[in-house]
Amino acid sequence: MAICAQQRSLTDSVQYRVEMQATLSSGDHEPLWLNANKYGLSSLKTANGYVRGAIERKLSADDGRKWGIGYGADVAVAAGFTSTLVVQQAYVEGRWLKGTLTIGAKEYPMELKNQALSSGSQTLGINARPVPQVRLALPEYWTIPGTNNWLALKGHIAYGKTTDDGWQKDFVAPQNRYTEGTLYHSKAGYLKIGPGNFSAELGLEMACQFGGTSYMRSDDGDKVFHNASGLKAFFHAFVPGGGEVNENTYQNDEGNQLGSWILRLNYDAPQWRMSIYADKYFEDHSGMFMLEYDGYGTGAEWEAKKSNRYLLYNLKDIMLGAELQLKEVSWLNNIVVEYLYSKYQSGSVYHDHTPSFSDHIGGLDEYYNHHIFMGWQHWGQVMGNPLYLSPIYNSDGKIEVKNNRFAAWHLGVSGQPLPKLHYRLLASWQDGLGRYKSPYTHRKYNTSVLAEMGWQFLDGWKAVFAWGADFGAIRGNNNGFQFTISKSGLL
């Protein structure tokens, strides 16, 4: 066994995949669940498609060694997309013991959620194109020595650069904002407690957009801000601090800082597994800790901290979910239910303390939007949960999330009634208020559904047929069909 492991080469265990997809819809857009949570390899055009080819050598090919090498290339030629040639993935990675280093663009799955049935993570989702990055990770849980298997850790830290400069300039209308050369940072840590039937997983996911150049257009004249991108900016992306280049008296943390607290509780029984989970999103430190200092003085001491006074925010904005896995019921083996509320955003009032008014109230958190950067998006798709209305839906040439205050219910169901037949059903209901700075004139509603069926043929062939639809005023009334055929195997 050891001899065979030594004889492996970097061309062993290379997998290939070729895929063709075609979508035809009626209405204003392709339905939500035909395009969302596909790592940005999707389109809103009513007629679109692609031909895709990929090769990959997974790190698991070197299991049994202290080290491992992996790589992948994944390219699509598309019609009706934001670009004709899409380099979806291109990366190399190495592993030493449990740690990995990845360089390039790679699709990373969501943590602590069902990849196929969840509506999506609020911070590190699977809805937008991958950002090329350098990523150091402990991708699988590592048991902490001396804890008798009760505690385990995993996580990552990454820095990268977005690739949608050209799309932004083409998309925006005259007198609208865009950025070039935006840098990217993400980090996450997860702690698992419990080796038995019951386990708890706690996590913190954080991300930041920083650096680059922001073009702020207005009727009063264009302004160009060269955002900090030196070593100090990289540090402030990791440990929030500093301030924006256009801020003077009042300093916020440098860059577009955001994140989520994650919690998942699991109970594993012989015939079923039940999990409940939460995803608490935040845009700043007050949203992160639901606490704001509010004890400033007045007059000459208006910036001095004079008392131990704090403002406590309500725990309203949160995603709550439950997942039931039925291990012995093949025709209905997974059920996911989620509720997402984002209307509060620390309240409707934003006020910094002044020499004559000491109260400091921080609200209007503007989820997924930012005053310097174009918000938590890449190539027009939000990088978190797609129930937030992605900028690519906008018809006015503005790169912003126009509906970030909403409540939503989401249901996902899957099963395998036959050995080679798999199905997936999704349904989402949403009521939206727009955003604090630009509210809808009246409450809007939306329902999005998906029915998908896949058949696994011999020799690695697979065909997937899907129908999706939207009903309502947020995304319009859309109806569409999608057909995907793929072939995969070992080279």
Protein backbone atom coordinates (compact mmCIF):
# COMPACT_ATOMS: atom_id res chain seq x y z
CA MET A 1 0.00 0.00 0.00
CA ALA A 2 2.81 2.42 0.93
CA ILE A 3 4.73 1.47 -2.23
CA CYS A 4 1.71 2.28 -4.42
CA ALA A 5 1.31 5.63 -2.67
CA GLN A 6 4.93 6.53 -3.46
CA GLN A 7 4.39 5.75 -7.13
CA ARG A 8 1.52 8.17 -7.63
CA SER A 9 2.14 11.03 -10.04
CA LEU A 10 0.51 14.44 -10.42
CA THR A 11 -1.39 13.17 -13.45
CA ASP A 12 -3.03 10.30 -11.54
CA SER A 13 -6.71 10.52 -10.57
CA VAL A 14 -7.45 13.49 -12.86
CA GLN A 15 -11.18 13.84 -13.39
CA TYR A 16 -12.93 15.52 -16.31
CA ARG A 17 -16.38 16.98 -16.77
CA VAL A 18 -18.07 18.33 -19.89
CA GLU A 19 -21.46 19.99 -19.63
CA MET A 20 -24.01 21.75 -21.80
CA GLN A 21 -26.92 23.79 -20.48
CA ALA A 22 -29.77 25.62 -22.21
CA THR A 23 -32.47 27.80 -20.62
CA LEU A 24 -35.59 29.27 -22.21
CA SER A 25 -37.93 31.52 -20.22
CA SER A 26 -40.82 33.92 -20.62
CA GLY A 27 -41.26 37.15 -18.69
CA ASP A 28 -38.67 39.76 -17.74
CA HIS A 29 -35.99 37.43 -16.36
CA GLU A 30 -34.92 33.86 -15.94
CA PRO A 31 -36.67 32.59 -12.75
CA LEU A 32 -34.74 32.94 -9.50
CA TRP A 33 -34.05 29.29 -8.71
CA LEU A 34 -32.90 28.53 -12.26
CA ASN A 35 -30.05 31.05 -11.88
CA ALA A 36 -29.32 31.46 -8.15
CA ASN A 37 -26.71 29.63 -6.04
CA LYS A 38 -24.75 28.41 -9.07
CA TYR A 39 -21.51 30.24 -8.28
CA GLY A 40 -22.48 32.97 -10.73
CA LEU A 41 -22.44 30.68 -13.78
CA SER A 42 -25.94 31.79 -14.69
CA SER A 43 -27.87 34.55 -16.40
CA LEU A 44 -31.08 36.58 -16.10
CA LYS A 45 -31.59 36.59 -19.87
CA THR A 46 -34.71 34.73 -20.92
CA ALA A 47 -32.68 32.70 -23.46
CA ASN A 48 -29.18 31.63 -22.46
CA GLY A 49 -26.85 28.66 -22.36
CA TYR A 50 -23.27 27.47 -22.16
CA VAL A 51 -20.84 24.71 -23.01
CA ARG A 52 -18.46 23.94 -20.18
CA GLY A 53 -15.35 21.83 -19.77
CA ALA A 54 -13.33 21.12 -16.63
CA ILE A 55 -10.47 19.00 -15.38
CA GLU A 56 -9.62 18.54 -11.73
CA ARG A 57 -7.23 16.64 -9.53
CA LYS A 58 -8.59 16.64 -5.99
CA LEU A 59 -6.39 16.73 -2.93
CA SER A 60 -8.05 13.47 -1.85
CA ALA A 61 -6.01 11.75 -4.59
CA ASP A 62 -3.07 12.00 -2.18
CA ASP A 63 -4.86 10.66 0.89
CA GLY A 64 -2.41 8.58 2.88
CA ARG A 65 0.44 11.01 2.28
CA LYS A 66 1.52 13.80 4.58
CA TRP A 67 1.27 16.13 1.60
CA GLY A 68 -1.02 16.47 -1.39
CA ILE A 69 -1.26 18.42 -4.64
CA GLY A 70 -4.44 19.43 -6.42
CA TYR A 71 -5.39 21.63 -9.34
CA GLY A 72 -8.30 22.46 -11.58
CA ALA A 73 -9.40 24.39 -14.65
CA ASP A 74 -13.04 25.05 -15.46
CA VAL A 75 -14.01 27.14 -18.50
CA ALA A 76 -17.35 27.89 -20.15
CA VAL A 77 -18.30 29.47 -23.47
CA ALA A 78 -21.66 31.15 -22.91
CA ALA A 79 -24.46 32.91 -24.74
CA GLY A 80 -26.69 35.46 -23.00
CA PHE A 81 -24.29 35.81 -20.03
CA THR A 82 -22.39 38.83 -18.69
CA SER A 83 -19.36 37.56 -20.67
CA THR A 84 -18.90 35.06 -23.49
CA LEU A 85 -15.79 33.36 -22.11
CA VAL A 86 -16.08 32.51 -18.43
CA VAL A 87 -13.06 31.21 -16.53
CA GLN A 88 -15.10 29.79 -13.69
CA GLN A 89 -12.25 28.05 -11.86
CA ALA A 90 -8.47 28.01 -12.26
CA TYR A 91 -6.40 27.05 -9.25
CA VAL A 92 -3.57 25.03 -7.76
CA GLU A 93 -3.44 23.91 -4.15
CA GLY A 94 -1.25 22.02 -1.77
CA ARG A 95 -1.80 20.24 1.53
CA TRP A 96 0.60 19.54 4.37
CA LEU A 97 -0.93 17.31 7.05
CA LYS A 98 -4.33 19.00 7.68
CA GLY A 99 -3.57 22.50 6.32
CA THR A 100 -4.10 23.61 2.70
CA LEU A 101 -2.93 26.54 0.59
CA THR A 102 -4.97 27.38 -2.53
CA ILE A 103 -4.06 29.96 -5.16
CA GLY A 104 -6.61 30.97 -7.79
CA ALA A 105 -10.36 30.95 -8.31
CA LYS A 106 -12.21 27.97 -6.86
CA GLU A 107 -15.80 27.21 -5.92
CA TYR A 108 -16.07 26.78 -2.15
CA PRO A 109 -19.21 25.26 -0.62
CA MET A 110 -21.27 26.92 2.11
CA GLU A 111 -20.53 25.90 5.67
CA LEU A 112 -23.15 24.43 8.01
CA LYS A 113 -25.95 24.51 5.40
CA ASN A 114 -27.36 22.15 2.79
CA GLN A 115 -25.78 23.04 -0.57
CA ALA A 116 -28.75 22.02 -2.71
CA LEU A 117 -31.74 22.93 -0.54
CA SER A 118 -30.81 26.01 1.51
CA SER A 119 -31.65 29.50 0.22
CA GLY A 120 -28.01 30.39 0.91
CA SER A 121 -25.58 31.76 3.50
CA GLN A 122 -25.82 35.47 4.23
CA THR A 123 -22.07 36.17 4.12
CA LEU A 124 -20.07 33.46 2.31
CA GLY A 125 -22.65 32.15 -0.14
CA ILE A 126 -22.50 30.30 -3.47
CA ASN A 127 -24.44 32.80 -5.59
CA ALA A 128 -21.63 34.77 -7.30
CA ARG A 129 -18.56 33.95 -9.37
CA PRO A 130 -15.53 32.87 -7.35
CA VAL A 131 -13.02 35.58 -6.45
CA PRO A 132 -9.37 34.70 -7.32
CA GLN A 133 -7.54 34.57 -4.02
CA VAL A 134 -4.76 33.14 -1.90
CA ARG A 135 -6.43 31.01 0.77
CA LEU A 136 -4.87 29.29 3.78
CA ALA A 137 -7.30 26.85 5.35
CA LEU A 138 -7.97 24.05 7.76
CA PRO A 139 -10.84 22.71 5.63
CA GLU A 140 -11.88 19.74 7.76
CA TYR A 141 -12.44 19.61 11.50
CA TRP A 142 -9.21 19.03 13.44
CA THR A 143 -9.70 17.54 16.90
CA ILE A 144 -7.95 19.57 19.60
CA PRO A 145 -5.55 17.30 21.48
CA GLY A 146 -6.46 16.56 25.08
CA THR A 147 -10.20 17.24 24.68
CA ASN A 148 -11.21 13.56 24.38
CA ASN A 149 -12.72 14.31 20.92
CA TRP A 150 -15.05 16.92 22.39
CA LEU A 151 -13.63 19.96 20.60
CA ALA A 152 -12.62 20.39 16.95
CA LEU A 153 -11.70 23.40 14.80
CA LYS A 154 -11.70 24.40 11.14
CA GLY A 155 -11.49 27.68 9.24
CA HIS A 156 -9.68 29.80 6.67
CA ILE A 157 -8.15 33.18 5.88
CA ALA A 158 -7.98 34.55 2.32
CA TYR A 159 -7.02 37.64 0.32
CA GLY A 160 -7.93 38.19 -3.32
CA LYS A 161 -9.10 40.60 -6.01
CA THR A 162 -12.42 40.89 -7.79
CA THR A 163 -12.61 40.53 -11.58
CA ASP A 164 -15.73 42.51 -12.55
CA ASP A 165 -14.17 45.93 -13.34
CA GLY A 166 -15.20 45.75 -17.00
CA TRP A 167 -18.71 44.58 -16.19
CA GLN A 168 -19.20 47.43 -13.71
CA LYS A 169 -18.19 50.10 -16.23
CA ASP A 170 -20.44 48.58 -18.91
CA PHE A 171 -23.40 48.18 -16.53
CA VAL A 172 -23.55 51.58 -14.87
CA ALA A 173 -25.44 54.41 -16.51
CA PRO A 174 -23.90 57.91 -16.77
CA GLN A 175 -23.55 59.65 -13.39
CA ASN A 176 -23.60 56.37 -11.45
CA ARG A 177 -20.91 54.91 -9.19
CA TYR A 178 -18.47 52.06 -9.83
CA THR A 179 -15.15 50.75 -8.55
CA GLU A 180 -12.00 49.33 -10.10
CA GLY A 181 -9.40 47.01 -8.61
CA THR A 182 -11.37 46.13 -5.47
CA LEU A 183 -9.48 43.85 -3.10
CA TYR A 184 -11.16 41.04 -1.18
CA HIS A 185 -10.64 39.46 2.22
CA SER A 186 -12.49 36.69 4.00
CA LYS A 187 -11.92 34.69 7.14
CA ALA A 188 -13.92 32.16 9.11
CA GLY A 189 -13.56 29.92 12.12
CA TYR A 190 -15.80 27.09 13.31
CA LEU A 191 -15.81 25.18 16.60
CA LYS A 192 -17.48 21.78 16.90
CA ILE A 193 -18.51 20.50 20.33
CA GLY A 194 -19.50 16.93 21.10
CA PRO A 195 -18.38 13.56 19.74
CA GLY A 196 -21.66 11.67 20.28
CA ASN A 197 -25.15 11.77 18.80
CA PHE A 198 -25.54 15.40 19.78
CA SER A 199 -23.14 18.04 18.46
CA ALA A 200 -23.03 21.81 18.27
CA GLU A 201 -21.17 23.87 15.66
CA LEU A 202 -20.45 27.56 16.22
CA GLY A 203 -18.87 29.80 13.62
CA LEU A 204 -17.92 33.34 12.72
CA GLU A 205 -17.67 34.34 9.05
CA MET A 206 -16.28 37.76 8.11
CA ALA A 207 -15.42 39.47 4.84
CA CYS A 208 -14.19 42.82 3.60
CA GLN A 209 -13.91 44.73 0.33
CA PHE A 210 -11.11 47.31 0.34
CA GLY A 211 -8.51 49.03 -1.83
CA GLY A 212 -8.95 49.92 -5.48
CA THR A 213 -10.40 53.13 -6.90
CA SER A 214 -13.96 54.39 -6.38
CA TYR A 215 -15.57 56.63 -8.99
CA MET A 216 -18.34 58.64 -7.33
CA ARG A 217 -20.40 60.37 -10.02
CA SER A 218 -23.03 62.99 -9.35
CA ASP A 219 -24.57 66.14 -10.81
CA ASP A 220 -22.20 68.13 -8.58
CA GLY A 221 -19.17 66.65 -10.34
CA ASP A 222 -17.22 63.43 -10.43
CA LYS A 223 -15.06 62.45 -7.49
CA VAL A 224 -12.34 59.80 -7.56
CA PHE A 225 -11.18 58.15 -4.34
CA HIS A 226 -8.01 56.07 -4.30
CA ASN A 227 -8.67 53.73 -1.42
CA ALA A 228 -5.81 52.55 0.78
CA SER A 229 -4.21 49.33 -0.44
CA GLY A 230 -0.90 49.09 1.43
CA LEU A 231 0.10 46.77 4.24
CA LYS A 232 -1.91 48.79 6.76
CA ALA A 233 -5.04 48.35 4.60
CA PHE A 234 -4.49 44.58 4.52
CA PHE A 235 -4.18 44.63 8.31
CA HIS A 236 -7.34 46.72 8.73
CA ALA A 237 -9.19 44.27 6.50
CA PHE A 238 -8.18 41.49 8.89
CA VAL A 239 -8.65 43.50 12.12
CA PRO A 240 -11.28 46.17 11.38
CA GLY A 241 -9.97 49.69 11.98
CA GLY A 242 -8.83 52.88 10.30
CA GLY A 243 -11.27 54.90 8.21
CA GLU A 244 -12.42 55.63 4.68
CA VAL A 245 -10.55 58.14 2.51
CA ASN A 246 -13.59 60.46 2.28
CA GLU A 247 -14.28 60.55 6.04
CA ASN A 248 -13.06 63.28 8.36
CA THR A 249 -14.66 63.85 11.77
CA TYR A 250 -16.52 60.56 11.94
CA GLN A 251 -14.44 57.50 11.13
CA ASN A 252 -15.93 54.13 10.27
CA ASP A 253 -13.81 51.02 9.82
CA GLU A 254 -11.86 50.97 6.58
CA GLY A 255 -13.49 49.01 3.75
CA ASN A 256 -16.84 47.29 3.45
CA GLN A 257 -16.80 45.09 6.56
CA LEU A 258 -19.51 42.46 7.05
CA GLY A 259 -20.07 39.00 8.48
CA SER A 260 -22.28 36.44 10.21
CA TRP A 261 -22.47 34.53 13.44
CA ILE A 262 -23.32 30.91 12.63
CA LEU A 263 -24.80 28.23 14.88
CA ARG A 264 -25.90 24.68 14.07
CA LEU A 265 -27.19 22.03 16.51
CA ASN A 266 -27.31 18.42 15.32
CA TYR A 267 -28.88 15.24 16.67
CA ASP A 268 -27.94 12.03 14.87
CA ALA A 269 -30.28 9.05 15.38
CA PRO A 270 -30.04 5.64 13.65
CA GLN A 271 -32.87 6.37 11.20
CA TRP A 272 -32.80 10.16 10.99
CA ARG A 273 -30.71 13.27 11.63
CA MET A 274 -32.18 16.57 12.78
CA SER A 275 -30.43 19.94 12.69
CA ILE A 276 -31.47 23.47 13.57
CA TYR A 277 -29.32 26.44 12.66
CA ALA A 278 -29.05 30.22 12.73
CA ASP A 279 -27.21 32.81 10.62
CA LYS A 280 -27.00 36.29 12.24
CA TYR A 281 -25.76 38.79 9.65
CA PHE A 282 -24.08 42.10 10.53
CA GLU A 283 -22.60 45.09 8.66
CA ASP A 284 -20.65 46.79 11.49
CA HIS A 285 -19.45 46.28 15.04
CA SER A 286 -22.76 47.43 16.56
CA GLY A 287 -24.60 44.86 14.44
CA MET A 288 -21.98 42.25 15.29
CA PHE A 289 -22.36 42.65 19.06
CA MET A 290 -25.83 44.31 19.04
CA LEU A 291 -24.28 46.95 21.29
CA GLU A 292 -23.29 50.61 20.75
CA TYR A 293 -21.40 52.90 23.11
CA ASP A 294 -23.61 55.88 24.01
CA GLY A 295 -21.89 57.67 26.88
CA TYR A 296 -20.20 60.67 25.23
CA GLY A 297 -19.98 64.09 26.82
CA THR A 298 -21.08 67.47 25.46
CA GLY A 299 -19.42 70.75 24.57
CA ALA A 300 -15.63 70.57 24.60
CA GLU A 301 -15.88 66.96 25.82
CA TRP A 302 -18.22 65.83 23.08
CA GLU A 303 -15.79 63.13 21.87
CA ALA A 304 -14.78 61.97 25.36
CA LYS A 305 -16.24 58.80 26.82
CA LYS A 306 -17.80 60.04 30.06
CA SER A 307 -20.02 57.20 31.29
CA ASN A 308 -20.63 53.47 31.03
CA ARG A 309 -23.72 53.86 28.91
CA TYR A 310 -24.57 51.55 26.02
CA LEU A 311 -27.38 51.16 23.53
CA LEU A 312 -28.63 47.57 23.16
CA TYR A 313 -30.11 46.62 19.79
CA ASN A 314 -32.85 44.06 19.29
CA LEU A 315 -32.18 40.57 17.95
CA LYS A 316 -34.59 40.77 15.03
CA ASP A 317 -32.57 40.24 11.85
CA ILE A 318 -31.66 36.56 11.57
CA MET A 319 -31.96 33.45 9.43
CA LEU A 320 -33.39 30.43 11.25
CA GLY A 321 -33.42 26.99 9.65
CA ALA A 322 -34.14 23.34 10.27
CA GLU A 323 -33.03 20.28 8.31
CA LEU A 324 -34.38 16.73 8.61
CA GLN A 325 -32.54 13.85 6.94
CA LEU A 326 -34.44 10.55 6.67
CA LYS A 327 -31.80 7.87 6.27
CA GLU A 328 -34.13 5.00 5.32
CA VAL A 329 -36.70 6.87 3.19
CA SER A 330 -35.15 7.18 -0.24
CA TRP A 331 -38.05 8.95 -1.96
CA LEU A 332 -37.98 11.77 0.64
CA ASN A 333 -34.54 11.91 2.21
CA ASN A 334 -34.01 15.60 2.99
CA ILE A 335 -36.26 18.48 4.10
CA VAL A 336 -35.07 22.06 4.78
CA VAL A 337 -37.19 24.92 6.15
CA GLU A 338 -35.81 28.44 6.61
CA TYR A 339 -37.06 31.81 7.81
CA LEU A 340 -35.10 35.00 7.02
CA TYR A 341 -35.84 38.45 8.44
CA SER A 342 -33.80 41.57 7.55
CA LYS A 343 -36.13 44.55 8.06
CA TYR A 344 -34.63 45.94 11.27
CA GLN A 345 -30.98 46.69 10.37
CA SER A 346 -30.34 48.30 13.80
CA GLY A 347 -33.25 50.69 13.31
CA SER A 348 -34.30 53.50 11.00
CA VAL A 349 -32.27 56.29 12.67
CA TYR A 350 -28.60 57.09 12.15
CA HIS A 351 -27.10 59.87 14.24
CA ASP A 352 -23.49 60.53 15.29
CA HIS A 353 -22.96 62.41 18.55
CA THR A 354 -22.24 66.14 18.23
CA PRO A 355 -20.98 68.86 20.63
CA SER A 356 -24.58 69.66 21.56
CA PHE A 357 -26.15 66.21 21.27
CA SER A 358 -24.32 63.37 23.04
CA ASP A 359 -26.56 60.47 21.97
CA HIS A 360 -24.96 58.17 19.44
CA ILE A 361 -27.49 56.02 17.57
CA GLY A 362 -26.22 53.77 14.80
CA GLY A 363 -28.87 52.32 12.51
CA LEU A 364 -29.58 52.21 8.77
CA ASP A 365 -27.08 49.38 8.33
CA GLU A 366 -27.88 49.06 4.59
CA TYR A 367 -27.27 45.33 4.20
CA TYR A 368 -25.14 44.41 1.15
CA ASN A 369 -24.74 48.12 0.18
CA HIS A 370 -21.87 50.52 0.87
CA HIS A 371 -21.17 54.22 0.25
CA ILE A 372 -17.66 53.67 -1.22
CA PHE A 373 -17.74 50.15 -2.62
CA MET A 374 -20.48 48.64 -4.77
CA GLY A 375 -21.72 46.39 -2.00
CA TRP A 376 -21.46 42.68 -1.38
CA GLN A 377 -21.67 41.61 -5.03
CA HIS A 378 -19.50 40.23 -7.83
CA TRP A 379 -20.47 40.44 -11.52
CA GLY A 380 -23.89 41.73 -10.46
CA GLN A 381 -24.81 38.80 -8.21
CA VAL A 382 -24.80 39.17 -4.43
CA MET A 383 -22.09 37.07 -2.78
CA GLY A 384 -24.45 36.03 0.00
CA ASN A 385 -28.10 34.97 0.01
CA PRO A 386 -29.88 35.51 -3.36
CA LEU A 387 -33.17 36.49 -1.71
CA TYR A 388 -31.49 39.90 -1.42
CA LEU A 389 -32.24 41.44 -4.82
CA SER A 390 -28.98 41.32 -6.79
CA PRO A 391 -27.83 44.47 -8.66
CA ILE A 392 -28.00 42.61 -11.98
CA TYR A 393 -31.81 42.94 -11.77
CA ASN A 394 -31.58 46.75 -11.87
CA SER A 395 -32.72 48.52 -15.02
CA ASP A 396 -31.45 51.98 -14.03
CA GLY A 397 -27.72 51.26 -14.28
CA LYS A 398 -27.08 51.40 -10.53
CA ILE A 399 -24.99 48.78 -8.78
CA GLU A 400 -26.89 48.46 -5.52
CA VAL A 401 -29.23 46.08 -3.72
CA LYS A 402 -32.65 47.69 -3.98
CA ASN A 403 -34.51 45.22 -1.75
CA ASN A 404 -32.57 44.36 1.41
CA ARG A 405 -35.41 44.74 3.94
CA PHE A 406 -37.68 41.72 3.75
CA ALA A 407 -39.07 38.66 5.46
CA ALA A 408 -38.99 35.30 3.68
CA TRP A 409 -39.93 31.64 4.11
CA HIS A 410 -38.07 28.97 2.17
CA LEU A 411 -38.69 25.24 1.71
CA GLY A 412 -36.41 22.68 0.10
CA VAL A 413 -37.15 18.99 -0.44
CA SER A 414 -35.14 16.26 -2.16
CA GLY A 415 -35.31 12.51 -2.68
CA GLN A 416 -34.20 9.56 -4.76
CA PRO A 417 -37.24 7.41 -5.59
CA LEU A 418 -35.17 5.22 -7.97
CA PRO A 419 -31.46 4.34 -7.79
CA LYS A 420 -30.62 6.61 -10.75
CA LEU A 421 -33.41 9.20 -10.35
CA HIS A 422 -33.04 12.23 -8.09
CA TYR A 423 -35.37 15.19 -7.61
CA ARG A 424 -35.27 18.57 -5.86
CA LEU A 425 -38.08 21.00 -5.03
CA LEU A 426 -37.64 24.60 -3.84
CA ALA A 427 -40.23 27.20 -2.89
CA SER A 428 -39.65 30.69 -1.46
CA TRP A 429 -42.11 33.37 -0.37
CA GLN A 430 -40.93 36.91 0.32
CA ASP A 431 -42.38 40.28 1.26
CA GLY A 432 -40.12 43.27 0.72
CA LEU A 433 -39.96 46.91 1.79
CA GLY A 434 -37.06 47.99 -0.44
CA ARG A 435 -34.36 49.78 1.59
CA TYR A 436 -34.36 52.50 4.20
CA LYS A 437 -32.82 55.07 1.84
CA SER A 438 -35.17 54.20 -1.01
CA PRO A 439 -38.25 52.35 0.27
CA TYR A 440 -40.91 50.87 -1.93
CA THR A 441 -44.05 52.98 -2.14
CA HIS A 442 -45.96 49.89 -1.00
CA ARG A 443 -45.07 46.44 0.32
CA LYS A 444 -44.12 44.03 -2.47
CA TYR A 445 -44.46 40.25 -2.53
CA ASN A 446 -42.78 37.47 -4.46
CA THR A 447 -42.95 33.69 -4.76
CA SER A 448 -40.26 31.62 -6.50
CA VAL A 449 -40.43 27.87 -7.15
CA LEU A 450 -38.28 25.16 -8.69
CA ALA A 451 -38.94 21.54 -9.69
CA GLU A 452 -35.87 19.63 -10.83
CA MET A 453 -35.32 16.01 -11.85
CA GLY A 454 -32.00 14.35 -12.67
CA TRP A 455 -31.25 10.95 -14.20
CA GLN A 456 -27.85 9.27 -13.88
CA PHE A 457 -27.01 7.17 -16.94
CA LEU A 458 -24.22 4.66 -17.43
CA ASP A 459 -20.60 5.70 -18.09
CA GLY A 460 -20.87 9.02 -16.22
CA TRP A 461 -23.68 10.61 -18.25
CA LYS A 462 -26.28 12.68 -16.39
CA ALA A 463 -29.30 14.67 -17.56
CA VAL A 464 -31.15 17.26 -15.47
CA PHE A 465 -34.46 18.88 -16.40
CA ALA A 466 -35.79 21.81 -14.35
CA TRP A 467 -38.79 24.13 -14.35
CA GLY A 468 -38.79 27.40 -12.42
CA ALA A 469 -41.15 30.32 -11.97
CA ASP A 470 -41.47 33.67 -10.19
CA PHE A 471 -44.75 35.33 -9.23
CA GLY A 472 -44.95 38.84 -7.80
CA ALA A 473 -43.74 42.42 -7.92
CA ILE A 474 -40.15 42.00 -6.68
CA ARG A 475 -38.81 39.87 -9.55
CA GLY A 476 -41.82 39.95 -11.88
CA ASN A 477 -43.76 37.07 -13.38
CA ASN A 478 -41.30 34.66 -15.00
CA ASN A 479 -41.60 31.08 -16.21
CA GLY A 480 -38.78 28.97 -17.62
CA PHE A 481 -37.29 25.58 -18.41
CA GLN A 482 -33.68 24.47 -18.15
CA PHE A 483 -31.96 21.37 -19.54
CA THR A 484 -28.45 20.26 -18.55
CA ILE A 485 -26.54 17.26 -19.81
CA SER A 486 -23.08 16.33 -18.55
CA LYS A 487 -20.45 13.63 -18.79
CA SER A 488 -17.79 13.02 -16.15
CA GLY A 489 -15.14 10.45 -15.39
CA LEU A 490 -11.42 9.79 -15.02
CA LEU A 491 -8.97 10.82 -17.72
